C-alpha atoms as a PDB file:
ATOM      1  CA  MET A   1       2.314  12.028  -2.194  1.00  0.00           C
ATOM      2  CA  LEU A   2      -1.552  11.876  -1.880  1.00  0.00           C
ATOM      3  CA  ILE A   3      -4.128  10.704  -4.251  1.00  0.00           C
ATOM      4  CA  SER A   4      -8.117  11.308  -4.037  1.00  0.00           C
ATOM      5  CA  GLU A   5     -10.465   8.782  -4.344  1.00  0.00           C
ATOM      6  CA  ASP A   6     -11.313   9.244  -7.550  1.00  0.00           C
ATOM      7  CA  VAL A   7      -8.017   8.341  -8.964  1.00  0.00           C
ATOM      8  CA  HIS A   8      -7.509   5.366  -6.522  1.00  0.00           C
ATOM      9  CA  LYS A   9     -10.591   4.068  -8.644  1.00  0.00           C
ATOM     10  CA  GLN A  10      -9.074   4.543 -11.544  1.00  0.00           C
ATOM     11  CA  GLN A  11      -8.229   1.890 -13.712  1.00  0.00           C
ATOM     12  CA  LYS A  12      -4.988  -0.236 -12.181  1.00  0.00           C
ATOM     13  CA  VAL A  13      -4.177   2.094  -9.644  1.00  0.00           C
ATOM     14  CA  ASP A  14      -5.136   0.334  -6.547  1.00  0.00           C
ATOM     15  CA  GLU A  15      -3.660  -2.958  -8.380  1.00  0.00           C
ATOM     16  CA  THR A  16      -0.157  -1.027  -9.339  1.00  0.00           C
ATOM     17  CA  TYR A  17       0.315   1.545  -5.776  1.00  0.00           C
ATOM     18  CA  LEU A  18      -0.072  -0.036  -1.875  1.00  0.00           C
ATOM     19  CA  THR A  19      -1.732   3.050  -0.177  1.00  0.00           C
ATOM     20  CA  ARG A  20      -3.267   3.864   3.193  1.00  0.00           C
ATOM     21  CA  PRO A  21      -6.457   5.895   4.152  1.00  0.00           C
ATOM     22  CA  LEU A  22      -5.794   9.464   5.685  1.00  0.00           C
ATOM     23  CA  ASP A  23      -9.162  11.417   5.253  1.00  0.00           C
ATOM     24  CA  PHE A  24     -11.889  13.330   3.914  1.00  0.00           C
ATOM     25  CA  VAL A  25     -11.426  16.811   2.864  1.00  0.00           C
ATOM     26  CA  VAL A  26     -13.885  19.398   1.102  1.00  0.00           C
ATOM     27  CA  VAL A  27     -12.004  19.997  -2.170  1.00  0.00           C
ATOM     28  CA  LYS A  28     -13.152  23.952  -3.477  1.00  0.00           C
ATOM     29  CA  GLY A  29     -15.768  23.476  -5.934  1.00  0.00           C
ATOM     30  CA  ARG A  30     -17.219  20.282  -4.556  1.00  0.00           C
ATOM     31  CA  SER A  31     -20.008  20.576  -2.165  1.00  0.00           C
ATOM     32  CA  GLU A  32     -19.026  16.539  -0.759  1.00  0.00           C
ATOM     33  CA  PRO A  33     -16.062  15.098   1.128  1.00  0.00           C
ATOM     34  CA  THR A  34     -13.664  13.753  -0.754  1.00  0.00           C
ATOM     35  CA  LYS A  35     -11.323  10.933   0.452  1.00  0.00           C
ATOM     36  CA  ILE A  36      -7.587  11.443   0.236  1.00  0.00           C
ATOM     37  CA  LEU A  37      -4.979   8.515   0.503  1.00  0.00           C
ATOM     38  CA  GLU A  38      -1.457   8.346   0.909  1.00  0.00           C
ATOM     39  CA  VAL A  39       0.509   6.601  -1.702  1.00  0.00           C
ATOM     40  CA  VAL A  40       2.762   4.356   0.209  1.00  0.00           C
ATOM     41  CA  CYS A  41       4.579   2.549  -2.508  1.00  0.00           C
ATOM     42  CA  ARG A  42       4.377   0.189  -5.506  1.00  0.00           C
ATOM     43  CA  ARG A  43       2.930  -2.871  -4.780  1.00  0.00           C
ATOM     44  CA  ALA A  44       5.663  -4.781  -6.118  1.00  0.00           C
ATOM     45  CA  ASP A  45       8.359  -3.252  -4.080  1.00  0.00           C
ATOM     46  CA  ALA A  46       6.129  -3.299  -0.824  1.00  0.00           C
ATOM     47  CA  THR A  47       7.506  -5.212   2.050  1.00  0.00           C
ATOM     48  CA  ASP A  48       5.530  -7.507   3.999  1.00  0.00           C
ATOM     49  CA  ALA A  49       5.723  -5.239   7.239  1.00  0.00           C
ATOM     50  CA  GLU A  50       4.416  -1.932   4.911  1.00  0.00           C
ATOM     51  CA  LYS A  51       1.496  -4.232   3.364  1.00  0.00           C
ATOM     52  CA  LYS A  52       0.829  -5.296   7.164  1.00  0.00           C
ATOM     53  CA  MET A  53       0.596  -1.542   7.902  1.00  0.00           C
ATOM     54  CA  ALA A  54      -1.664  -0.043   4.835  1.00  0.00           C
ATOM     55  CA  ALA A  55      -4.009  -3.079   6.247  1.00  0.00           C
ATOM     56  CA  ARG A  56      -4.141  -1.891   9.677  1.00  0.00           C
ATOM     57  CA  HIS A  57      -4.026   1.503   9.239  1.00  0.00           C
ATOM     58  CA  ALA A  58      -7.243   1.086   6.683  1.00  0.00           C
ATOM     59  CA  ASP A  59      -8.665  -0.850   9.493  1.00  0.00           C
ATOM     60  CA  ALA A  60      -8.251   1.816  12.319  1.00  0.00           C
ATOM     61  CA  MET A  61      -9.000   4.624  10.083  1.00  0.00           C
ATOM     62  CA  GLN A  62     -12.495   3.030   8.957  1.00  0.00           C
ATOM     63  CA  LYS A  63     -13.116   2.587  12.677  1.00  0.00           C
ATOM     64  CA  TYR A  64     -12.367   6.573  12.841  1.00  0.00           C
ATOM     65  CA  PHE A  65     -14.993   7.328  10.556  1.00  0.00           C
ATOM     66  CA  ASP A  66     -17.752   4.829  11.875  1.00  0.00           C
ATOM     67  CA  ARG A  67     -16.867   7.034  15.122  1.00  0.00           C
ATOM     68  CA  ASP A  68     -15.577   3.861  17.221  1.00  0.00           C
ATOM     69  CA  PHE A  69     -12.922   5.433  18.607  1.00  0.00           C
ATOM     70  CA  THR A  70     -11.437   2.482  21.191  1.00  0.00           C
ATOM     71  CA  GLY A  71     -11.576   0.191  18.820  1.00  0.00           C
ATOM     72  CA  CYS A  72      -9.298   2.633  16.330  1.00  0.00           C
ATOM     73  CA  ILE A  73      -7.080   3.536  19.419  1.00  0.00           C
ATOM     74  CA  ALA A  74      -6.896  -0.654  20.296  1.00  0.00           C
ATOM     75  CA  LEU A  75      -5.664  -0.892  16.109  1.00  0.00           C
ATOM     76  CA  MET A  76      -2.708   1.675  16.469  1.00  0.00           C
ATOM     77  CA  GLU A  77      -1.455   0.449  19.659  1.00  0.00           C
END
């Protein structure tokens, strides 16, 4: 399931669900890009491996968005 950053910012969404960022998209009717995230699972059900994967993925995507492609690749290897 994909959600927008606006949904992610709603009360208790981040507390309830483990997510990972995927990309920015331009949504019809808006001029600014919107961040989209994948819902991995409920935080209460997340394994340590899922939590680690989501954190590493978020770090790698931030490097990608910052155009630090070498750093992104290093984190994804």
